[in-house]
């Protein structure tokens, strides 16, 4: 039986298809925000955007006043940015809801940590690492919230008819494929019966041919008349 889509179903397909495109777009944007933002933070902390390049190597000797700032920024960015990107990867590509719930508190906690350090005068006169990390945490928190919305919508769409394509032609193709899978065993049995019937007819034809050949070569005798 052909797959029939009425006007109401077609309208739902259209809305859900548009929603799926938006979900995928949000997933992609969030993924790249965390990827690019994390790389910038990690690289800039190692290269020290404050102008104290590699000061963290001299932290033990106390030769550079701002060495501890560079060291903390390296440690913070490597741990937080790497973990946040991994969790976002699980949300964007694997649609793992729990990861989305975890990444937001991590970013907020890190933002609070940086604000406390700034309030205590930890960054001193070099505000670049402070503003960089604050910007990263705020932007990524917004991206993570949007990504969480997207994964909730994705799981809702999973329960809708036509997921994930929401296309009438694709649904018709799936219906025909299901019908073929159901009919295949019956079709196979039908062919087996036809093959067996053909073989029986073939055997019968061979017997008739032999009988006709016998009648042609057989010469009647007195015994036949008896």
Protein backbone atom coordinates (compact mmCIF):
# COMPACT_ATOMS: atom_id res chain seq x y z
CA UNK A 1 0.00 0.00 0.00
CA UNK A 2 1.52 3.37 -0.99
CA UNK A 3 2.59 5.87 1.67
CA UNK A 4 0.10 8.76 1.64
CA UNK A 5 0.87 12.16 3.22
CA UNK A 6 -2.09 14.42 3.90
CA UNK A 7 -1.87 18.21 4.13
CA UNK A 8 -1.57 18.23 7.92
CA UNK A 9 1.27 15.69 7.90
CA UNK A 10 3.00 17.57 5.08
CA UNK A 11 2.83 20.78 7.15
CA UNK A 12 4.32 18.97 10.16
CA UNK A 13 7.09 17.60 7.96
CA UNK A 14 7.88 21.13 6.77
CA UNK A 15 7.98 22.55 10.30
CA UNK A 16 10.02 19.67 11.69
CA UNK A 17 12.42 19.78 8.75
CA UNK A 18 13.03 23.48 9.41
CA UNK A 19 13.47 22.74 13.12
CA UNK A 20 15.99 19.97 12.38
CA UNK A 21 18.02 22.33 10.19
CA UNK A 22 18.06 24.89 13.01
CA UNK A 23 19.10 22.24 15.54
CA UNK A 24 21.99 21.12 13.35
CA UNK A 25 23.05 24.71 12.74
CA UNK A 26 23.09 25.46 16.49
CA UNK A 27 25.06 22.24 17.13
CA UNK A 28 27.64 23.22 14.52
CA UNK A 29 28.00 26.79 15.76
CA UNK A 30 28.40 25.69 19.38
CA UNK A 31 30.96 23.06 18.39
CA UNK A 32 33.13 25.59 16.54
CA UNK A 33 32.73 28.26 19.24
CA UNK A 34 34.17 25.88 21.82
CA UNK A 35 36.81 24.56 19.43
CA UNK A 36 38.10 27.93 18.23
CA UNK A 37 37.64 29.65 21.59
CA UNK A 38 39.46 26.86 23.41
CA UNK A 39 42.35 26.86 20.95
CA UNK A 40 42.72 30.64 21.23
CA UNK A 41 42.71 30.51 25.02
CA UNK A 42 45.21 27.65 25.23
CA UNK A 43 47.58 29.08 22.63
CA UNK A 44 47.37 32.59 24.01
CA UNK A 45 48.04 31.40 27.53
CA UNK A 46 51.13 29.52 26.39
CA UNK A 47 52.33 32.40 24.24
CA UNK A 48 51.29 34.81 27.00
CA UNK A 49 49.19 37.53 25.39
CA UNK A 50 50.14 39.72 28.36
CA UNK A 51 53.61 40.27 26.92
CA UNK A 52 55.33 38.05 29.49
CA UNK A 53 55.99 35.19 27.07
CA UNK A 54 57.00 31.99 28.80
CA UNK A 55 57.22 33.72 32.16
CA UNK A 56 55.70 30.66 33.77
CA UNK A 57 59.01 28.83 33.22
CA UNK A 58 60.70 31.31 35.53
CA UNK A 59 58.01 31.25 38.20
CA UNK A 60 60.13 29.25 40.62
CA UNK A 61 62.99 31.75 40.55
CA UNK A 62 60.79 34.82 40.97
CA UNK A 63 62.64 36.66 38.21
CA UNK A 64 59.39 37.82 36.64
CA UNK A 65 56.62 39.41 38.63
CA UNK A 66 53.78 38.19 36.40
CA UNK A 67 54.96 34.61 35.99
CA UNK A 68 52.25 33.28 38.33
CA UNK A 69 49.54 34.93 36.19
CA UNK A 70 50.75 33.18 33.04
CA UNK A 71 51.02 29.86 34.88
CA UNK A 72 47.48 30.06 36.30
CA UNK A 73 46.09 31.04 32.88
CA UNK A 74 47.82 28.06 31.23
CA UNK A 75 46.53 25.66 33.86
CA UNK A 76 43.01 27.10 33.79
CA UNK A 77 42.68 27.19 30.00
CA UNK A 78 44.09 23.70 29.47
CA UNK A 79 41.76 22.10 32.02
CA UNK A 80 38.59 24.12 31.48
CA UNK A 81 38.74 24.65 27.72
CA UNK A 82 39.66 21.04 26.96
CA UNK A 83 36.95 19.63 29.22
CA UNK A 84 34.35 22.09 27.91
CA UNK A 85 35.15 21.21 24.31
CA UNK A 86 34.92 17.47 25.00
CA UNK A 87 31.51 17.86 26.64
CA UNK A 88 30.31 20.08 23.79
CA UNK A 89 31.49 17.48 21.29
CA UNK A 90 29.30 14.92 23.06
CA UNK A 91 26.33 17.29 22.95
CA UNK A 92 26.72 18.48 19.35
CA UNK A 93 27.65 15.19 17.69
CA UNK A 94 26.31 12.52 20.05
CA UNK A 95 23.30 14.50 21.39
CA UNK A 96 24.21 13.59 24.96
CA UNK A 97 21.97 15.67 27.22
CA UNK A 98 23.89 15.10 30.46
CA UNK A 99 27.07 16.56 28.95
CA UNK A 100 25.12 19.70 28.12
CA UNK A 101 23.97 19.97 31.71
CA UNK A 102 27.53 19.58 33.02
CA UNK A 103 29.36 22.04 30.76
CA UNK A 104 27.29 25.09 31.76
CA UNK A 105 28.05 24.88 35.54
CA UNK A 106 31.74 24.33 34.73
CA UNK A 107 31.88 27.52 32.70
CA UNK A 108 29.96 29.52 35.31
CA UNK A 109 32.19 28.21 38.12
CA UNK A 110 35.29 29.14 36.14
CA UNK A 111 33.90 32.61 35.47
CA UNK A 112 33.29 33.10 39.22
CA UNK A 113 36.84 31.87 39.93
CA UNK A 114 38.35 34.42 37.51
CA UNK A 115 36.20 37.23 38.95
CA UNK A 116 37.36 36.39 42.48
CA UNK A 117 41.02 36.41 41.38
CA UNK A 118 40.50 39.76 39.70
CA UNK A 119 38.84 41.20 42.79
CA UNK A 120 41.78 40.09 44.92
CA UNK A 121 44.17 41.88 42.56
CA UNK A 122 45.69 38.69 41.19
CA UNK A 123 46.04 40.03 37.65
CA UNK A 124 47.57 43.31 38.75
CA UNK A 125 48.11 45.68 35.86
CA UNK A 126 47.73 43.04 33.14
CA UNK A 127 44.06 42.82 32.31
CA UNK A 128 44.33 40.95 28.99
CA UNK A 129 44.16 37.39 30.42
CA UNK A 130 41.30 38.40 32.71
CA UNK A 131 39.20 39.89 29.93
CA UNK A 132 40.05 37.03 27.58
CA UNK A 133 38.87 34.35 30.02
CA UNK A 134 35.77 36.32 31.03
CA UNK A 135 34.83 36.75 27.37
CA UNK A 136 35.45 33.06 26.69
CA UNK A 137 33.29 31.95 29.63
CA UNK A 138 30.39 34.28 28.77
CA UNK A 139 30.35 33.47 25.04
CA UNK A 140 30.69 29.74 25.63
CA UNK A 141 27.99 29.75 28.31
CA UNK A 142 25.58 31.33 25.83
CA UNK A 143 26.63 28.81 23.16
CA UNK A 144 26.24 25.92 25.64
CA UNK A 145 22.73 27.10 26.61
CA UNK A 146 21.74 27.28 22.94
CA UNK A 147 23.27 23.85 22.37
CA UNK A 148 21.27 22.47 25.29
CA UNK A 149 18.09 23.86 23.74
CA UNK A 150 19.08 22.19 20.46
CA UNK A 151 19.64 18.76 22.03
CA UNK A 152 16.27 18.94 23.79
CA UNK A 153 14.60 19.75 20.48
CA UNK A 154 16.54 16.94 18.81
CA UNK A 155 15.25 14.35 21.26
CA UNK A 156 11.72 15.70 20.76
CA UNK A 157 12.08 15.38 16.98
CA UNK A 158 13.23 11.79 17.40
CA UNK A 159 9.69 10.89 18.47
CA UNK A 160 8.05 12.61 15.50
CA UNK A 161 6.93 10.89 12.31
CA UNK A 162 9.42 11.22 9.47
CA UNK A 163 12.54 11.60 11.66
CA UNK A 164 15.24 12.51 10.70
CA UNK A 165 14.58 13.58 7.08
CA UNK A 166 10.97 14.72 7.40
CA UNK A 167 10.53 14.19 3.69
CA UNK A 168 7.46 12.54 2.11
CA UNK A 169 9.47 10.94 -0.70
CA UNK A 170 11.97 9.50 1.73
CA UNK A 171 9.15 8.09 3.84
CA UNK A 172 7.61 6.57 0.73
CA UNK A 173 10.95 4.95 -0.10
CA UNK A 174 11.22 3.55 3.45
CA UNK A 175 7.67 2.18 3.21
CA UNK A 176 8.43 0.45 -0.08
CA UNK A 177 11.61 -1.01 1.39
CA UNK A 178 9.69 -2.33 4.38
CA UNK A 179 7.14 -3.89 2.05
CA UNK A 180 9.92 -5.55 0.06
CA UNK A 181 11.45 -6.92 3.26
CA UNK A 182 8.07 -8.33 4.28
CA UNK A 183 7.25 -9.75 0.85
CA UNK A 184 10.68 -11.20 0.15
CA UNK A 185 10.12 -14.43 2.14
CA UNK A 186 6.82 -15.01 0.35
CA UNK A 187 8.38 -14.18 -3.00
CA UNK A 188 11.21 -16.60 -2.28
CA UNK A 189 8.74 -19.35 -1.37
CA UNK A 190 6.76 -18.63 -4.53
CA UNK A 191 9.85 -18.95 -6.68
CA UNK A 192 10.79 -22.21 -4.97
CA UNK A 193 7.33 -23.64 -5.71
CA UNK A 194 7.53 -22.47 -9.31
CA UNK A 195 10.97 -24.03 -9.69
CA UNK A 196 9.74 -27.32 -8.21
CA UNK A 197 6.71 -27.29 -10.52
CA UNK A 198 8.95 -26.63 -13.53
CA UNK A 199 11.23 -29.50 -12.57
CA UNK A 200 8.24 -31.87 -12.30
CA UNK A 201 6.95 -30.82 -15.70
CA UNK A 202 10.42 -31.27 -17.11
CA UNK A 203 10.58 -34.83 -15.74
CA UNK A 204 7.14 -35.57 -17.19
CA UNK A 205 8.21 -34.27 -20.59
CA UNK A 206 11.22 -36.55 -20.56
CA UNK A 207 9.03 -39.61 -19.88
CA UNK A 208 6.66 -38.71 -22.71
CA UNK A 209 9.58 -38.27 -25.11
CA UNK A 210 10.92 -41.70 -24.23
CA UNK A 211 7.47 -43.25 -24.78
CA UNK A 212 7.12 -41.59 -28.18
CA UNK A 213 10.57 -42.77 -29.20
CA UNK A 214 9.68 -46.32 -28.12
CA UNK A 215 6.53 -46.29 -30.25
CA UNK A 216 8.51 -45.15 -33.29
CA UNK A 217 11.11 -47.90 -33.13
CA UNK A 218 8.78 -50.64 -31.93
CA UNK A 219 7.73 -53.13 -34.63
CA UNK A 220 4.47 -54.91 -34.11
CA UNK A 221 4.68 -58.66 -33.92
CA UNK A 222 2.38 -61.57 -33.38
CA UNK A 223 2.92 -61.20 -29.67
CA UNK A 224 1.52 -57.67 -29.86
CA UNK A 225 -1.69 -58.92 -31.46
CA UNK A 226 -2.00 -61.48 -28.74
